[in-house]
């Protein structure tokens, strides 16, 4: 038999891998009670965590293992397990498909199938299957903000010099971020030479944009003296307006201005009439000030 014929038979005998198609879902967190907070933790917040509850079916299959949602895990891993059975799921990760909800659910299931303390392997493209909405008991997220990533570590782990050095490098990348009480998914942050408020709005894009346009036309879109509406960006199907702030004013001082803005915004949401000429001009101006999320 010729070499070419042997190679042909070998190819024919090798089972073909099923091609997994990626699917883009513009609102992966749609239907979750705290959709804006999921988006904020995914896109805006450097270090935070929140406990998650498994559905009764998963508890019956894998036990009532504690699950923690984290903004980011070591090396941007999608999931990890602890020797005591705890599971961590990372929102901000290197590999992802077009459906973030499916990615996170698959990472959770892979972690549950992994022996406690073992390394979790997660496929880059999970294919069809359960999503977050299918594997969690939904409810408001109980978010804990962190100044560092110490919550990753088991007791005594930081005594290892290499672990401590790695932790210090990770912590050095964190910029100060404060969750504001003025509204859901509103965060103050301070980056070099700048401070911002970034706010994930829960309404659909057109509704939110119309309300912001009315505020802009009325001259009430800022958060007060010394502030500037910088623009907005889209994140997972929702609008995120951004304000530039004086960098030397602490986060607590922006609670009152943010609350006042929330009231003005809520009033504009009640307006049902079409935008007038000034509102339409303001809308076009806002569309021209869209930002790129970095």
Protein backbone atom coordinates (compact mmCIF):
# COMPACT_ATOMS: atom_id res chain seq x y z
CA UNK A 1 0.00 0.00 0.00
CA UNK A 2 1.37 3.41 -0.94
CA UNK A 3 2.28 5.96 1.69
CA UNK A 4 -0.30 8.33 0.23
CA UNK A 5 -3.00 5.69 0.56
CA UNK A 6 -2.01 5.00 4.18
CA UNK A 7 -2.23 8.68 5.04
CA UNK A 8 -5.62 8.92 3.37
CA UNK A 9 -6.94 5.96 5.39
CA UNK A 10 -5.53 7.46 8.58
CA UNK A 11 -7.37 10.71 7.92
CA UNK A 12 -10.60 8.85 7.17
CA UNK A 13 -10.27 6.84 10.40
CA UNK A 14 -9.77 9.95 12.55
CA UNK A 15 -13.09 11.18 13.91
CA UNK A 16 -13.88 14.73 12.97
CA UNK A 17 -14.16 17.23 15.78
CA UNK A 18 -17.52 18.89 15.97
CA UNK A 19 -17.14 22.54 15.08
CA UNK A 20 -18.45 24.81 17.83
CA UNK A 21 -20.08 27.96 16.54
CA UNK A 22 -19.79 31.13 18.54
CA UNK A 23 -22.98 33.09 19.17
CA UNK A 24 -23.06 36.77 20.10
CA UNK A 25 -25.50 37.75 22.86
CA UNK A 26 -25.68 41.56 23.24
CA UNK A 27 -27.26 41.42 26.72
CA UNK A 28 -25.75 38.38 28.44
CA UNK A 29 -27.05 39.39 31.89
CA UNK A 30 -30.61 40.09 30.73
CA UNK A 31 -33.17 38.77 33.19
CA UNK A 32 -30.88 38.84 36.22
CA UNK A 33 -32.19 41.01 39.06
CA UNK A 34 -28.95 43.01 39.27
CA UNK A 35 -28.07 43.24 35.58
CA UNK A 36 -26.42 46.70 35.90
CA UNK A 37 -24.21 45.50 38.80
CA UNK A 38 -23.12 42.41 36.85
CA UNK A 39 -22.08 44.75 34.03
CA UNK A 40 -20.29 47.12 36.41
CA UNK A 41 -18.33 44.30 38.07
CA UNK A 42 -17.44 42.95 34.65
CA UNK A 43 -16.37 46.26 33.09
CA UNK A 44 -15.69 48.92 35.74
CA UNK A 45 -14.63 47.54 39.11
CA UNK A 46 -11.07 46.29 39.74
CA UNK A 47 -11.53 44.31 42.98
CA UNK A 48 -14.86 43.14 44.38
CA UNK A 49 -16.66 39.93 45.22
CA UNK A 50 -20.18 38.65 45.86
CA UNK A 51 -21.58 35.31 47.05
CA UNK A 52 -23.70 33.30 44.59
CA UNK A 53 -26.33 30.65 45.30
CA UNK A 54 -26.58 27.46 43.27
CA UNK A 55 -29.96 26.17 42.12
CA UNK A 56 -31.41 23.31 44.20
CA UNK A 57 -30.68 20.89 41.34
CA UNK A 58 -26.96 21.72 41.40
CA UNK A 59 -26.86 21.56 45.20
CA UNK A 60 -28.37 18.10 45.03
CA UNK A 61 -25.79 16.99 42.44
CA UNK A 62 -22.62 18.65 43.76
CA UNK A 63 -23.42 19.58 47.34
CA UNK A 64 -23.95 23.01 48.83
CA UNK A 65 -20.50 24.33 47.94
CA UNK A 66 -19.93 28.03 48.62
CA UNK A 67 -19.53 29.99 45.36
CA UNK A 68 -17.98 33.46 45.14
CA UNK A 69 -18.16 35.78 42.16
CA UNK A 70 -14.93 37.77 41.79
CA UNK A 71 -14.12 40.60 39.43
CA UNK A 72 -10.83 38.92 38.58
CA UNK A 73 -8.89 35.83 39.69
CA UNK A 74 -5.13 35.11 39.62
CA UNK A 75 -3.82 35.20 36.05
CA UNK A 76 -7.36 36.20 34.96
CA UNK A 77 -8.40 32.56 35.33
CA UNK A 78 -12.08 31.77 34.67
CA UNK A 79 -12.49 29.71 37.86
CA UNK A 80 -10.66 28.10 40.74
CA UNK A 81 -11.46 25.73 43.60
CA UNK A 82 -10.14 25.70 47.15
CA UNK A 83 -9.20 22.58 49.16
CA UNK A 84 -12.19 23.18 51.45
CA UNK A 85 -14.58 23.01 48.48
CA UNK A 86 -15.12 26.72 47.89
CA UNK A 87 -15.50 27.80 44.27
CA UNK A 88 -14.47 31.16 42.77
CA UNK A 89 -15.69 32.41 39.38
CA UNK A 90 -13.87 35.26 37.61
CA UNK A 91 -15.84 37.83 35.61
CA UNK A 92 -12.83 39.40 33.92
CA UNK A 93 -10.93 36.69 32.03
CA UNK A 94 -8.65 36.20 29.04
CA UNK A 95 -10.73 33.82 26.91
CA UNK A 96 -14.38 34.37 26.21
CA UNK A 97 -17.07 33.61 23.66
CA UNK A 98 -19.83 35.88 22.41
CA UNK A 99 -22.08 34.91 25.31
CA UNK A 100 -20.56 35.95 28.63
CA UNK A 101 -23.41 34.35 30.58
CA UNK A 102 -22.76 30.96 28.96
CA UNK A 103 -19.00 31.33 29.61
CA UNK A 104 -19.53 31.99 33.30
CA UNK A 105 -22.02 29.16 33.72
CA UNK A 106 -19.65 26.72 32.04
CA UNK A 107 -16.76 27.91 34.24
CA UNK A 108 -18.95 27.31 37.30
CA UNK A 109 -19.95 23.82 36.17
CA UNK A 110 -16.34 22.92 35.35
CA UNK A 111 -15.30 24.07 38.83
CA UNK A 112 -18.04 22.01 40.46
CA UNK A 113 -16.88 18.92 38.55
CA UNK A 114 -13.29 19.51 39.70
CA UNK A 115 -11.99 17.95 42.90
CA UNK A 116 -11.60 20.58 45.65
CA UNK A 117 -8.18 22.18 45.33
CA UNK A 118 -7.69 20.90 41.78
CA UNK A 119 -6.94 23.01 38.71
CA UNK A 120 -10.08 23.93 36.79
CA UNK A 121 -10.01 23.50 33.01
CA UNK A 122 -12.55 25.55 31.06
CA UNK A 123 -13.05 25.40 27.27
CA UNK A 124 -12.63 28.70 25.37
CA UNK A 125 -15.84 28.06 23.42
CA UNK A 126 -18.31 26.14 25.55
CA UNK A 127 -21.00 25.61 22.91
CA UNK A 128 -24.72 25.42 23.71
CA UNK A 129 -25.66 24.77 27.31
CA UNK A 130 -26.81 26.30 30.59
CA UNK A 131 -26.33 30.00 31.25
CA UNK A 132 -26.05 31.96 34.50
CA UNK A 133 -29.81 32.37 34.51
CA UNK A 134 -30.12 28.54 34.61
CA UNK A 135 -27.57 27.68 37.31
CA UNK A 136 -28.07 30.41 39.95
CA UNK A 137 -30.80 31.38 42.37
CA UNK A 138 -31.27 34.96 41.19
CA UNK A 139 -31.32 37.96 43.48
CA UNK A 140 -29.53 41.22 44.29
CA UNK A 141 -25.75 40.88 44.51
CA UNK A 142 -24.26 41.41 47.97
CA UNK A 143 -21.12 43.16 46.77
CA UNK A 144 -18.00 43.57 48.87
CA UNK A 145 -15.44 46.06 47.61
CA UNK A 146 -11.77 45.22 48.22
CA UNK A 147 -8.65 47.37 48.42
CA UNK A 148 -6.57 44.36 47.33
CA UNK A 149 -6.80 40.77 46.17
CA UNK A 150 -6.10 39.21 49.56
CA UNK A 151 -9.52 37.52 49.38
CA UNK A 152 -7.97 35.13 46.84
CA UNK A 153 -5.70 33.61 49.44
CA UNK A 154 -6.08 30.88 52.04
CA UNK A 155 -4.92 31.68 55.59
CA UNK A 156 -1.13 31.75 55.76
CA UNK A 157 -0.62 31.68 51.98
CA UNK A 158 0.79 35.21 51.97
CA UNK A 159 3.69 33.98 54.11
CA UNK A 160 5.19 32.54 50.91
CA UNK A 161 7.49 35.27 49.49
CA UNK A 162 6.61 34.42 45.87
CA UNK A 163 2.89 34.55 46.63
CA UNK A 164 3.35 37.84 48.44
CA UNK A 165 5.28 39.30 45.51
CA UNK A 166 2.60 38.20 43.06
CA UNK A 167 -0.11 39.69 45.28
CA UNK A 168 1.73 43.00 45.51
CA UNK A 169 1.98 43.19 41.71
CA UNK A 170 -1.74 42.53 41.35
CA UNK A 171 -2.63 45.07 44.03
CA UNK A 172 -0.47 47.72 42.37
CA UNK A 173 -2.79 47.64 39.34
CA UNK A 174 -5.87 48.53 41.41
CA UNK A 175 -7.13 52.10 41.18
CA UNK A 176 -9.27 53.47 44.04
CA UNK A 177 -12.94 52.67 43.42
CA UNK A 178 -15.96 53.36 45.63
CA UNK A 179 -19.49 52.08 45.17
CA UNK A 180 -21.89 55.01 45.55
CA UNK A 181 -25.14 54.61 47.49
CA UNK A 182 -26.86 57.14 45.24
CA UNK A 183 -27.88 54.52 42.68
CA UNK A 184 -27.43 50.98 41.48
CA UNK A 185 -24.18 50.37 39.62
CA UNK A 186 -22.82 53.88 40.24
CA UNK A 187 -19.08 53.98 40.97
CA UNK A 188 -16.56 56.69 41.74
CA UNK A 189 -13.00 55.94 40.69
CA UNK A 190 -9.68 57.74 40.67
CA UNK A 191 -7.10 57.11 37.98
CA UNK A 192 -3.84 59.04 37.55
CA UNK A 193 -4.64 62.76 37.41
CA UNK A 194 -8.39 62.14 36.99
CA UNK A 195 -11.49 61.12 38.90
CA UNK A 196 -14.76 59.90 37.43
CA UNK A 197 -18.24 58.75 38.22
CA UNK A 198 -19.34 55.93 35.93
CA UNK A 199 -22.92 54.72 36.13
CA UNK A 200 -24.52 51.70 34.42
CA UNK A 201 -28.10 52.73 33.66
CA UNK A 202 -30.72 49.96 33.90
CA UNK A 203 -33.06 51.25 31.19
CA UNK A 204 -32.90 50.27 27.52
CA UNK A 205 -30.57 52.40 25.43
CA UNK A 206 -33.18 54.56 23.67
CA UNK A 207 -35.05 55.33 26.88
CA UNK A 208 -31.86 56.20 28.75
CA UNK A 209 -30.52 58.29 25.85
CA UNK A 210 -33.74 60.30 25.61
CA UNK A 211 -33.64 61.06 29.36
CA UNK A 212 -29.98 62.11 29.16
CA UNK A 213 -30.79 64.27 26.11
CA UNK A 214 -33.53 66.10 28.01
CA UNK A 215 -31.10 66.76 30.86
CA UNK A 216 -28.47 67.98 28.43
CA UNK A 217 -30.92 70.35 26.73
CA UNK A 218 -31.90 71.70 30.16
CA UNK A 219 -28.26 72.21 31.14
CA UNK A 220 -28.52 69.81 34.09
CA UNK A 221 -26.44 66.88 32.89
CA UNK A 222 -23.39 67.58 35.06
CA UNK A 223 -22.88 66.63 38.70
CA UNK A 224 -22.32 70.21 39.78
CA UNK A 225 -19.61 72.85 39.75
CA UNK A 226 -16.23 71.69 38.48
CA UNK A 227 -17.66 68.59 36.80
CA UNK A 228 -18.05 67.74 33.13
CA UNK A 229 -20.15 65.16 31.32
CA UNK A 230 -17.37 63.33 29.45
CA UNK A 231 -19.56 61.07 27.34
CA UNK A 232 -20.86 57.54 27.51
CA UNK A 233 -20.15 54.04 26.27
CA UNK A 234 -22.18 50.90 25.70
CA UNK A 235 -21.56 47.79 27.76
CA UNK A 236 -23.55 44.58 27.31
CA UNK A 237 -26.58 46.40 25.96
CA UNK A 238 -26.70 49.21 28.50
CA UNK A 239 -25.49 52.83 28.51
CA UNK A 240 -22.76 53.95 30.91
CA UNK A 241 -22.47 57.74 31.27
CA UNK A 242 -19.15 59.10 32.55
CA UNK A 243 -18.45 62.36 34.37
CA UNK A 244 -15.04 63.98 34.89
CA UNK A 245 -14.56 65.25 38.45
CA UNK A 246 -11.97 67.25 40.40
CA UNK A 247 -9.41 64.67 41.48
CA UNK A 248 -8.92 66.13 44.97
CA UNK A 249 -12.56 65.74 46.10
CA UNK A 250 -13.19 62.46 47.97
CA UNK A 251 -15.82 59.94 46.86
CA UNK A 252 -18.15 60.63 49.81
CA UNK A 253 -18.62 64.22 48.66
CA UNK A 254 -20.25 63.02 45.44
CA UNK A 255 -23.11 61.14 47.11
CA UNK A 256 -25.36 64.21 47.30
CA UNK A 257 -24.71 65.41 43.71
CA UNK A 258 -25.22 61.86 42.42
CA UNK A 259 -28.49 61.53 44.35
CA UNK A 260 -29.69 64.84 42.90
CA UNK A 261 -28.81 63.64 39.42
CA UNK A 262 -30.70 60.38 40.03
CA UNK A 263 -33.81 62.40 40.90
CA UNK A 264 -33.49 64.58 37.78
CA UNK A 265 -32.93 61.50 35.61
CA UNK A 266 -35.98 59.74 37.10
CA UNK A 267 -38.13 62.80 36.34
CA UNK A 268 -36.98 62.80 32.72
CA UNK A 269 -37.80 59.10 32.41
CA UNK A 270 -41.42 60.02 33.18
CA UNK A 271 -41.59 62.34 30.16
CA UNK A 272 -43.56 60.59 27.42
CA UNK A 273 -43.67 63.31 24.78
CA UNK A 274 -41.23 63.06 21.85
CA UNK A 275 -38.05 65.10 22.14
CA UNK A 276 -38.37 68.70 21.04
CA UNK A 277 -35.87 70.37 18.72
CA UNK A 278 -33.45 71.18 21.54
CA UNK A 279 -33.70 67.64 22.84
CA UNK A 280 -33.02 66.18 19.39
CA UNK A 281 -29.96 68.38 18.97
CA UNK A 282 -28.75 67.32 22.40
CA UNK A 283 -29.31 63.67 21.47
CA UNK A 284 -27.16 64.01 18.38
CA UNK A 285 -24.50 65.71 20.46
CA UNK A 286 -24.48 62.86 22.98
CA UNK A 287 -24.24 60.27 20.22
CA UNK A 288 -21.15 62.10 19.00
CA UNK A 289 -19.52 61.86 22.46
CA UNK A 290 -19.43 58.11 22.80
CA UNK A 291 -16.37 56.82 24.57
CA UNK A 292 -14.30 53.70 24.12
CA UNK A 293 -14.13 51.49 27.18
CA UNK A 294 -10.50 50.67 28.00
